[in-house]
Amino acid sequence: MAVGQIGNFVAYNAAPAVLVTPLGALGIPFGAMLASYVLKERLNLLGKMGCLLSCAGSVILIIHAPKSDSVTSQTELEEKLVHPAE
């Protein structure tokens, strides 16, 4: 759990929130598929539609997100972590 939160912290510093937040929403379909596989639960039609809509919404938000500077090296990432507002 702590590793995931650290990953979120780094992601929010390296990319705009409009890109990071929809990717966090993909945890819902992932959890549903994992429960279906591990716990042998059946996913009903509404659950499948919800997972599909969650994935589609994330893709649409990412496609239409504003363009921003991307981090291409470790030194740029370290600079963004030290001075996130610049």
PDB file of N, CA and C in Angstrom:
ATOM      1  N   MET A   1       0.829  -1.185   0.000  1.00  0.00           N
ATOM      2  CA  MET A   1       0.000   0.000   0.000  1.00  0.00           C
ATOM      3  C   MET A   1       0.876   1.254   0.000  1.00  0.00           C
ATOM      4  N   ALA A   2       1.906   1.255   0.795  1.00  0.00           N
ATOM      5  CA  ALA A   2       2.780   2.425   0.859  1.00  0.00           C
ATOM      6  C   ALA A   2       3.524   2.627  -0.458  1.00  0.00           C
ATOM      7  N   VAL A   3       3.888   1.525  -1.106  1.00  0.00           N
ATOM      8  CA  VAL A   3       4.591   1.635  -2.384  1.00  0.00           C
ATOM      9  C   VAL A   3       3.688   2.294  -3.428  1.00  0.00           C
ATOM     10  N   GLY A   4       2.414   1.955  -3.416  1.00  0.00           N
ATOM     11  CA  GLY A   4       1.459   2.561  -4.348  1.00  0.00           C
ATOM     12  C   GLY A   4       1.315   4.057  -4.113  1.00  0.00           C
ATOM     13  N   GLN A   5       1.281   4.463  -2.859  1.00  0.00           N
ATOM     14  CA  GLN A   5       1.161   5.892  -2.555  1.00  0.00           C
ATOM     15  C   GLN A   5       2.428   6.652  -2.933  1.00  0.00           C
ATOM     16  N   ILE A   6       3.572   6.033  -2.750  1.00  0.00           N
ATOM     17  CA  ILE A   6       4.822   6.665  -3.180  1.00  0.00           C
ATOM     18  C   ILE A   6       4.818   6.799  -4.704  1.00  0.00           C
ATOM     19  N   GLY A   7       4.343   5.768  -5.388  1.00  0.00           N
ATOM     20  CA  GLY A   7       4.233   5.833  -6.846  1.00  0.00           C
ATOM     21  C   GLY A   7       3.294   6.940  -7.293  1.00  0.00           C
ATOM     22  N   ASN A   8       2.184   7.118  -6.581  1.00  0.00           N
ATOM     23  CA  ASN A   8       1.267   8.218  -6.896  1.00  0.00           C
ATOM     24  C   ASN A   8       1.936   9.572  -6.688  1.00  0.00           C
ATOM     25  N   PHE A   9       2.694   9.708  -5.615  1.00  0.00           N
ATOM     26  CA  PHE A   9       3.391  10.961  -5.339  1.00  0.00           C
ATOM     27  C   PHE A   9       4.357  11.302  -6.470  1.00  0.00           C
ATOM     28  N   VAL A  10       5.129  10.316  -6.897  1.00  0.00           N
ATOM     29  CA  VAL A  10       6.078  10.540  -7.990  1.00  0.00           C
ATOM     30  C   VAL A  10       5.333  10.850  -9.281  1.00  0.00           C
ATOM     31  N   ALA A  11       4.252  10.140  -9.527  1.00  0.00           N
ATOM     32  CA  ALA A  11       3.494  10.360 -10.766  1.00  0.00           C
ATOM     33  C   ALA A  11       2.876  11.754 -10.800  1.00  0.00           C
ATOM     34  N   TYR A  12       2.333  12.215  -9.678  1.00  0.00           N
ATOM     35  CA  TYR A  12       1.730  13.555  -9.658  1.00  0.00           C
ATOM     36  C   TYR A  12       2.787  14.645  -9.815  1.00  0.00           C
ATOM     37  N   ASN A  13       4.028  14.369  -9.436  1.00  0.00           N
ATOM     38  CA  ASN A  13       5.088  15.345  -9.651  1.00  0.00           C
ATOM     39  C   ASN A  13       5.624  15.302 -11.074  1.00  0.00           C
ATOM     40  N   ALA A  14       5.555  14.142 -11.716  1.00  0.00           N
ATOM     41  CA  ALA A  14       6.133  13.987 -13.041  1.00  0.00           C
ATOM     42  C   ALA A  14       5.139  14.272 -14.160  1.00  0.00           C
ATOM     43  N   ALA A  15       3.846  14.170 -13.878  1.00  0.00           N
ATOM     44  CA  ALA A  15       2.836  14.361 -14.922  1.00  0.00           C
ATOM     45  C   ALA A  15       1.658  15.131 -14.336  1.00  0.00           C
ATOM     46  N   PRO A  16       0.875  15.767 -15.187  1.00  0.00           N
ATOM     47  CA  PRO A  16      -0.290  16.495 -14.683  1.00  0.00           C
ATOM     48  C   PRO A  16      -1.345  15.535 -14.107  1.00  0.00           C
ATOM     49  N   ALA A  17      -2.121  16.053 -13.180  1.00  0.00           N
ATOM     50  CA  ALA A  17      -3.132  15.230 -12.506  1.00  0.00           C
ATOM     51  C   ALA A  17      -4.173  14.700 -13.479  1.00  0.00           C
ATOM     52  N   VAL A  18      -4.411  15.416 -14.567  1.00  0.00           N
ATOM     53  CA  VAL A  18      -5.410  14.978 -15.540  1.00  0.00           C
ATOM     54  C   VAL A  18      -4.985  13.680 -16.218  1.00  0.00           C
ATOM     55  N   LEU A  19      -3.709  13.345 -16.185  1.00  0.00           N
ATOM     56  CA  LEU A  19      -3.236  12.070 -16.730  1.00  0.00           C
ATOM     57  C   LEU A  19      -3.143  10.983 -15.669  1.00  0.00           C
ATOM     58  N   VAL A  20      -2.780  11.351 -14.464  1.00  0.00           N
ATOM     59  CA  VAL A  20      -2.536  10.354 -13.415  1.00  0.00           C
ATOM     60  C   VAL A  20      -3.845   9.834 -12.817  1.00  0.00           C
ATOM     61  N   THR A  21      -4.799  10.694 -12.594  1.00  0.00           N
ATOM     62  CA  THR A  21      -6.041  10.312 -11.929  1.00  0.00           C
ATOM     63  C   THR A  21      -6.840   9.258 -12.700  1.00  0.00           C
ATOM     64  N   PRO A  22      -7.018   9.392 -14.027  1.00  0.00           N
ATOM     65  CA  PRO A  22      -7.751   8.331 -14.729  1.00  0.00           C
ATOM     66  C   PRO A  22      -7.058   6.976 -14.658  1.00  0.00           C
ATOM     67  N   LEU A  23      -5.752   6.964 -14.580  1.00  0.00           N
ATOM     68  CA  LEU A  23      -5.053   5.689 -14.463  1.00  0.00           C
ATOM     69  C   LEU A  23      -5.321   5.046 -13.108  1.00  0.00           C
ATOM     70  N   GLY A  24      -5.528   5.861 -12.080  1.00  0.00           N
ATOM     71  CA  GLY A  24      -5.897   5.323 -10.770  1.00  0.00           C
ATOM     72  C   GLY A  24      -7.273   4.691 -10.794  1.00  0.00           C
ATOM     73  N   ALA A  25      -8.156   5.200 -11.658  1.00  0.00           N
ATOM     74  CA  ALA A  25      -9.503   4.635 -11.775  1.00  0.00           C
ATOM     75  C   ALA A  25      -9.481   3.247 -12.397  1.00  0.00           C
ATOM     76  N   LEU A  26      -8.387   2.886 -13.050  1.00  0.00           N
ATOM     77  CA  LEU A  26      -8.290   1.554 -13.651  1.00  0.00           C
ATOM     78  C   LEU A  26      -8.109   0.468 -12.595  1.00  0.00           C
ATOM     79  N   GLY A  27      -7.943   0.867 -11.345  1.00  0.00           N
ATOM     80  CA  GLY A  27      -7.859  -0.117 -10.267  1.00  0.00           C
ATOM     81  C   GLY A  27      -9.174  -0.841 -10.053  1.00  0.00           C
ATOM     82  N   ILE A  28     -10.279  -0.212 -10.413  1.00  0.00           N
ATOM     83  CA  ILE A  28     -11.601  -0.836 -10.239  1.00  0.00           C
ATOM     84  C   ILE A  28     -11.757  -2.052 -11.152  1.00  0.00           C
ATOM     85  N   PRO A  29     -11.541  -1.920 -12.467  1.00  0.00           N
ATOM     86  CA  PRO A  29     -11.649  -3.127 -13.303  1.00  0.00           C
ATOM     87  C   PRO A  29     -10.583  -4.173 -12.973  1.00  0.00           C
ATOM     88  N   PHE A  30      -9.393  -3.702 -12.598  1.00  0.00           N
ATOM     89  CA  PHE A  30      -8.341  -4.644 -12.233  1.00  0.00           C
ATOM     90  C   PHE A  30      -8.756  -5.456 -11.004  1.00  0.00           C
ATOM     91  N   GLY A  31      -9.307  -4.786 -10.004  1.00  0.00           N
ATOM     92  CA  GLY A  31      -9.774  -5.486  -8.803  1.00  0.00           C
ATOM     93  C   GLY A  31     -10.915  -6.436  -9.098  1.00  0.00           C
ATOM     94  N   ALA A  32     -11.810  -6.034  -9.996  1.00  0.00           N
ATOM     95  CA  ALA A  32     -12.931  -6.908 -10.353  1.00  0.00           C
ATOM     96  C   ALA A  32     -12.448  -8.150 -11.083  1.00  0.00           C
ATOM     97  N   MET A  33     -11.490  -7.970 -12.001  1.00  0.00           N
ATOM     98  CA  MET A  33     -10.956  -9.136 -12.719  1.00  0.00           C
ATOM     99  C   MET A  33     -10.154 -10.040 -11.794  1.00  0.00           C
ATOM    100  N   LEU A  34      -9.417  -9.436 -10.879  1.00  0.00           N
ATOM    101  CA  LEU A  34      -8.634 -10.213  -9.925  1.00  0.00           C
ATOM    102  C   LEU A  34      -9.560 -11.013  -9.005  1.00  0.00           C
ATOM    103  N   ALA A  35     -10.641 -10.400  -8.541  1.00  0.00           N
ATOM    104  CA  ALA A  35     -11.600 -11.108  -7.688  1.00  0.00           C
ATOM    105  C   ALA A  35     -12.271 -12.238  -8.457  1.00  0.00           C
ATOM    106  N   SER A  36     -12.553 -11.996  -9.728  1.00  0.00           N
ATOM    107  CA  SER A  36     -13.164 -13.036 -10.546  1.00  0.00           C
ATOM    108  C   SER A  36     -12.229 -14.221 -10.712  1.00  0.00           C
ATOM    109  N   TYR A  37     -10.954 -13.953 -10.867  1.00  0.00           N
ATOM    110  CA  TYR A  37      -9.974 -15.028 -11.087  1.00  0.00           C
ATOM    111  C   TYR A  37      -9.599 -15.734  -9.775  1.00  0.00           C
ATOM    112  N   VAL A  38      -9.248 -14.965  -8.756  1.00  0.00           N
ATOM    113  CA  VAL A  38      -8.738 -15.549  -7.512  1.00  0.00           C
ATOM    114  C   VAL A  38      -9.861 -16.122  -6.652  1.00  0.00           C
ATOM    115  N   LEU A  39     -10.952 -15.363  -6.498  1.00  0.00           N
ATOM    116  CA  LEU A  39     -12.033 -15.783  -5.607  1.00  0.00           C
ATOM    117  C   LEU A  39     -13.136 -16.549  -6.323  1.00  0.00           C
ATOM    118  N   LYS A  40     -12.961 -16.744  -7.631  1.00  0.00           N
ATOM    119  CA  LYS A  40     -13.945 -17.462  -8.454  1.00  0.00           C
ATOM    120  C   LYS A  40     -15.326 -16.808  -8.394  1.00  0.00           C
ATOM    121  N   GLU A  41     -15.356 -15.480  -8.299  1.00  0.00           N
ATOM    122  CA  GLU A  41     -16.619 -14.752  -8.310  1.00  0.00           C
ATOM    123  C   GLU A  41     -17.047 -14.519  -9.755  1.00  0.00           C
ATOM    124  N   ARG A  42     -18.335 -14.498  -9.961  1.00  0.00           N
ATOM    125  CA  ARG A  42     -18.848 -14.214 -11.294  1.00  0.00           C
ATOM    126  C   ARG A  42     -19.173 -12.725 -11.388  1.00  0.00           C
ATOM    127  N   LEU A  43     -18.766 -12.122 -12.472  1.00  0.00           N
ATOM    128  CA  LEU A  43     -19.028 -10.705 -12.707  1.00  0.00           C
ATOM    129  C   LEU A  43     -20.276 -10.613 -13.568  1.00  0.00           C
ATOM    130  N   ASN A  44     -21.327  -9.972 -13.042  1.00  0.00           N
ATOM    131  CA  ASN A  44     -22.574  -9.883 -13.796  1.00  0.00           C
ATOM    132  C   ASN A  44     -22.471  -8.832 -14.908  1.00  0.00           C
ATOM    133  N   LEU A  45     -23.538  -8.684 -15.662  1.00  0.00           N
ATOM    134  CA  LEU A  45     -23.540  -7.796 -16.822  1.00  0.00           C
ATOM    135  C   LEU A  45     -23.262  -6.352 -16.417  1.00  0.00           C
ATOM    136  N   LEU A  46     -23.865  -5.883 -15.335  1.00  0.00           N
ATOM    137  CA  LEU A  46     -23.632  -4.503 -14.906  1.00  0.00           C
ATOM    138  C   LEU A  46     -22.192  -4.288 -14.457  1.00  0.00           C
ATOM    139  N   GLY A  47     -21.596  -5.280 -13.820  1.00  0.00           N
ATOM    140  CA  GLY A  47     -20.197  -5.191 -13.426  1.00  0.00           C
ATOM    141  C   GLY A  47     -19.283  -5.110 -14.631  1.00  0.00           C
ATOM    142  N   LYS A  48     -19.557  -5.925 -15.641  1.00  0.00           N
ATOM    143  CA  LYS A  48     -18.767  -5.899 -16.871  1.00  0.00           C
ATOM    144  C   LYS A  48     -18.914  -4.567 -17.594  1.00  0.00           C
ATOM    145  N   MET A  49     -20.148  -4.059 -17.631  1.00  0.00           N
ATOM    146  CA  MET A  49     -20.370  -2.762 -18.280  1.00  0.00           C
ATOM    147  C   MET A  49     -19.670  -1.647 -17.517  1.00  0.00           C
ATOM    148  N   GLY A  50     -19.682  -1.717 -16.190  1.00  0.00           N
ATOM    149  CA  GLY A  50     -18.998  -0.720 -15.376  1.00  0.00           C
ATOM    150  C   GLY A  50     -17.496  -0.731 -15.613  1.00  0.00           C
ATOM    151  N   CYS A  51     -16.918  -1.923 -15.704  1.00  0.00           N
ATOM    152  CA  CYS A  51     -15.478  -2.034 -15.991  1.00  0.00           C
ATOM    153  C   CYS A  51     -15.163  -1.478 -17.370  1.00  0.00           C
ATOM    154  N   LEU A  52     -15.997  -1.795 -18.343  1.00  0.00           N
ATOM    155  CA  LEU A  52     -15.787  -1.307 -19.704  1.00  0.00           C
ATOM    156  C   LEU A  52     -15.889   0.215 -19.760  1.00  0.00           C
ATOM    157  N   LEU A  53     -16.883   0.776 -19.097  1.00  0.00           N
ATOM    158  CA  LEU A  53     -17.041   2.236 -19.091  1.00  0.00           C
ATOM    159  C   LEU A  53     -15.905   2.928 -18.353  1.00  0.00           C
ATOM    160  N   SER A  54     -15.417   2.306 -17.284  1.00  0.00           N
ATOM    161  CA  SER A  54     -14.288   2.874 -16.551  1.00  0.00           C
ATOM    162  C   SER A  54     -13.041   2.915 -17.432  1.00  0.00           C
ATOM    163  N   CYS A  55     -12.786   1.836 -18.150  1.00  0.00           N
ATOM    164  CA  CYS A  55     -11.628   1.794 -19.060  1.00  0.00           C
ATOM    165  C   CYS A  55     -11.799   2.792 -20.200  1.00  0.00           C
ATOM    166  N   ALA A  56     -12.987   2.836 -20.782  1.00  0.00           N
ATOM    167  CA  ALA A  56     -13.237   3.763 -21.891  1.00  0.00           C
ATOM    168  C   ALA A  56     -13.091   5.212 -21.437  1.00  0.00           C
ATOM    169  N   GLY A  57     -13.609   5.533 -20.273  1.00  0.00           N
ATOM    170  CA  GLY A  57     -13.480   6.893 -19.753  1.00  0.00           C
ATOM    171  C   GLY A  57     -12.039   7.278 -19.496  1.00  0.00           C
ATOM    172  N   SER A  58     -11.261   6.351 -18.967  1.00  0.00           N
ATOM    173  CA  SER A  58      -9.838   6.635 -18.730  1.00  0.00           C
ATOM    174  C   SER A  58      -9.103   6.892 -20.033  1.00  0.00           C
ATOM    175  N   VAL A  59      -9.390   6.086 -21.038  1.00  0.00           N
ATOM    176  CA  VAL A  59      -8.734   6.258 -22.337  1.00  0.00           C
ATOM    177  C   VAL A  59      -9.119   7.597 -22.962  1.00  0.00           C
ATOM    178  N   ILE A  60     -10.397   7.943 -22.902  1.00  0.00           N
ATOM    179  CA  ILE A  60     -10.856   9.205 -23.482  1.00  0.00           C
ATOM    180  C   ILE A  60     -10.218  10.393 -22.779  1.00  0.00           C
ATOM    181  N   LEU A  61     -10.150  10.351 -21.452  1.00  0.00           N
ATOM    182  CA  LEU A  61      -9.524  11.455 -20.714  1.00  0.00           C
ATOM    183  C   LEU A  61      -8.044  11.596 -21.046  1.00  0.00           C
ATOM    184  N   ILE A  62      -7.353  10.484 -21.185  1.00  0.00           N
ATOM    185  CA  ILE A  62      -5.924  10.534 -21.489  1.00  0.00           C
ATOM    186  C   ILE A  62      -5.693  11.040 -22.910  1.00  0.00           C
ATOM    187  N   ILE A  63      -6.519  10.606 -23.847  1.00  0.00           N
ATOM    188  CA  ILE A  63      -6.360  11.061 -25.234  1.00  0.00           C
ATOM    189  C   ILE A  63      -6.562  12.563 -25.351  1.00  0.00           C
ATOM    190  N   HIS A  64      -7.531  13.096 -24.630  1.00  0.00           N
ATOM    191  CA  HIS A  64      -7.875  14.512 -24.756  1.00  0.00           C
ATOM    192  C   HIS A  64      -7.226  15.402 -23.695  1.00  0.00           C
ATOM    193  N   ALA A  65      -6.266  14.872 -22.977  1.00  0.00           N
ATOM    194  CA  ALA A  65      -5.561  15.662 -21.958  1.00  0.00           C
ATOM    195  C   ALA A  65      -4.671  16.694 -22.637  1.00  0.00           C
ATOM    196  N   PRO A  66      -4.481  17.833 -21.989  1.00  0.00           N
ATOM    197  CA  PRO A  66      -3.591  18.844 -22.582  1.00  0.00           C
ATOM    198  C   PRO A  66      -2.154  18.341 -22.628  1.00  0.00           C
ATOM    199  N   LYS A  67      -1.450  18.781 -23.641  1.00  0.00           N
ATOM    200  CA  LYS A  67      -0.052  18.379 -23.792  1.00  0.00           C
ATOM    201  C   LYS A  67       0.793  19.072 -22.728  1.00  0.00           C
ATOM    202  N   SER A  68       1.807  18.359 -22.233  1.00  0.00           N
ATOM    203  CA  SER A  68       2.692  18.929 -21.228  1.00  0.00           C
ATOM    204  C   SER A  68       4.098  18.389 -21.444  1.00  0.00           C
ATOM    205  N   ASP A  69       5.042  18.997 -20.761  1.00  0.00           N
ATOM    206  CA  ASP A  69       6.419  18.530 -20.848  1.00  0.00           C
ATOM    207  C   ASP A  69       6.537  17.177 -20.155  1.00  0.00           C
ATOM    208  N   SER A  70       7.192  16.247 -20.807  1.00  0.00           N
ATOM    209  CA  SER A  70       7.367  14.934 -20.196  1.00  0.00           C
ATOM    210  C   SER A  70       8.774  14.806 -19.612  1.00  0.00           C
ATOM    211  N   VAL A  71       8.885  13.968 -18.621  1.00  0.00           N
ATOM    212  CA  VAL A  71      10.170  13.720 -17.982  1.00  0.00           C
ATOM    213  C   VAL A  71      10.879  12.634 -18.787  1.00  0.00           C
ATOM    214  N   THR A  72      12.100  12.935 -19.248  1.00  0.00           N
ATOM    215  CA  THR A  72      12.823  11.977 -20.084  1.00  0.00           C
ATOM    216  C   THR A  72      14.079  11.421 -19.427  1.00  0.00           C
ATOM    217  N   SER A  73      14.479  11.973 -18.301  1.00  0.00           N
ATOM    218  CA  SER A  73      15.678  11.464 -17.642  1.00  0.00           C
ATOM    219  C   SER A  73      15.494  11.502 -16.126  1.00  0.00           C
ATOM    220  N   GLN A  74      16.375  10.822 -15.450  1.00  0.00           N
ATOM    221  CA  GLN A  74      16.300  10.782 -13.996  1.00  0.00           C
ATOM    222  C   GLN A  74      16.603  12.148 -13.389  1.00  0.00           C
ATOM    223  N   THR A  75      17.503  12.901 -14.003  1.00  0.00           N
ATOM    224  CA  THR A  75      17.832  14.226 -13.460  1.00  0.00           C
ATOM    225  C   THR A  75      16.640  15.172 -13.571  1.00  0.00           C
ATOM    226  N   GLU A  76      15.873  15.065 -14.667  1.00  0.00           N
ATOM    227  CA  GLU A  76      14.666  15.890 -14.792  1.00  0.00           C
ATOM    228  C   GLU A  76      13.641  15.509 -13.732  1.00  0.00           C
ATOM    229  N   LEU A  77      13.496  14.204 -13.461  1.00  0.00           N
ATOM    230  CA  LEU A  77      12.568  13.757 -12.425  1.00  0.00           C
ATOM    231  C   LEU A  77      12.994  14.274 -11.068  1.00  0.00           C
ATOM    232  N   GLU A  78      14.272  14.199 -10.765  1.00  0.00           N
ATOM    233  CA  GLU A  78      14.767  14.708  -9.479  1.00  0.00           C
ATOM    234  C   GLU A  78      14.530  16.215  -9.374  1.00  0.00           C
ATOM    235  N   GLU A  79      14.714  16.941 -10.462  1.00  0.00           N
ATOM    236  CA  GLU A  79      14.487  18.387 -10.458  1.00  0.00           C
ATOM    237  C   GLU A  79      13.011  18.697 -10.217  1.00  0.00           C
ATOM    238  N   LYS A  80      12.106  17.915 -10.841  1.00  0.00           N
ATOM    239  CA  LYS A  80      10.673  18.125 -10.625  1.00  0.00           C
ATOM    240  C   LYS A  80      10.275  17.779  -9.193  1.00  0.00           C
ATOM    241  N   LEU A  81      10.922  16.787  -8.606  1.00  0.00           N
ATOM    242  CA  LEU A  81      10.602  16.433  -7.224  1.00  0.00           C
ATOM    243  C   LEU A  81      11.071  17.503  -6.256  1.00  0.00           C
ATOM    244  N   VAL A  82      12.217  18.139  -6.542  1.00  0.00           N
ATOM    245  CA  VAL A  82      12.744  19.177  -5.669  1.00  0.00           C
ATOM    246  C   VAL A  82      11.960  20.481  -5.853  1.00  0.00           C
ATOM    247  N   HIS A  83      11.645  20.830  -7.095  1.00  0.00           N
ATOM    248  CA  HIS A  83      10.928  22.072  -7.409  1.00  0.00           C
ATOM    249  C   HIS A  83       9.707  21.751  -8.268  1.00  0.00           C
ATOM    250  N   PRO A  84       8.610  21.265  -7.663  1.00  0.00           N
ATOM    251  CA  PRO A  84       7.459  20.821  -8.459  1.00  0.00           C
ATOM    252  C   PRO A  84       6.706  21.942  -9.185  1.00  0.00           C
ATOM    253  N   ALA A  85       6.726  23.148  -8.690  1.00  0.00           N
ATOM    254  CA  ALA A  85       5.936  24.224  -9.286  1.00  0.00           C
ATOM    255  C   ALA A  85       6.616  24.888 -10.474  1.00  0.00           C
ATOM    256  N   GLU A  86       7.861  24.633 -10.689  1.00  0.00           N
ATOM    257  CA  GLU A  86       8.588  25.314 -11.768  1.00  0.00           C
ATOM    258  C   GLU A  86       8.425  24.611 -13.081  1.00  0.00           C
TER     259      GLU A  86
END
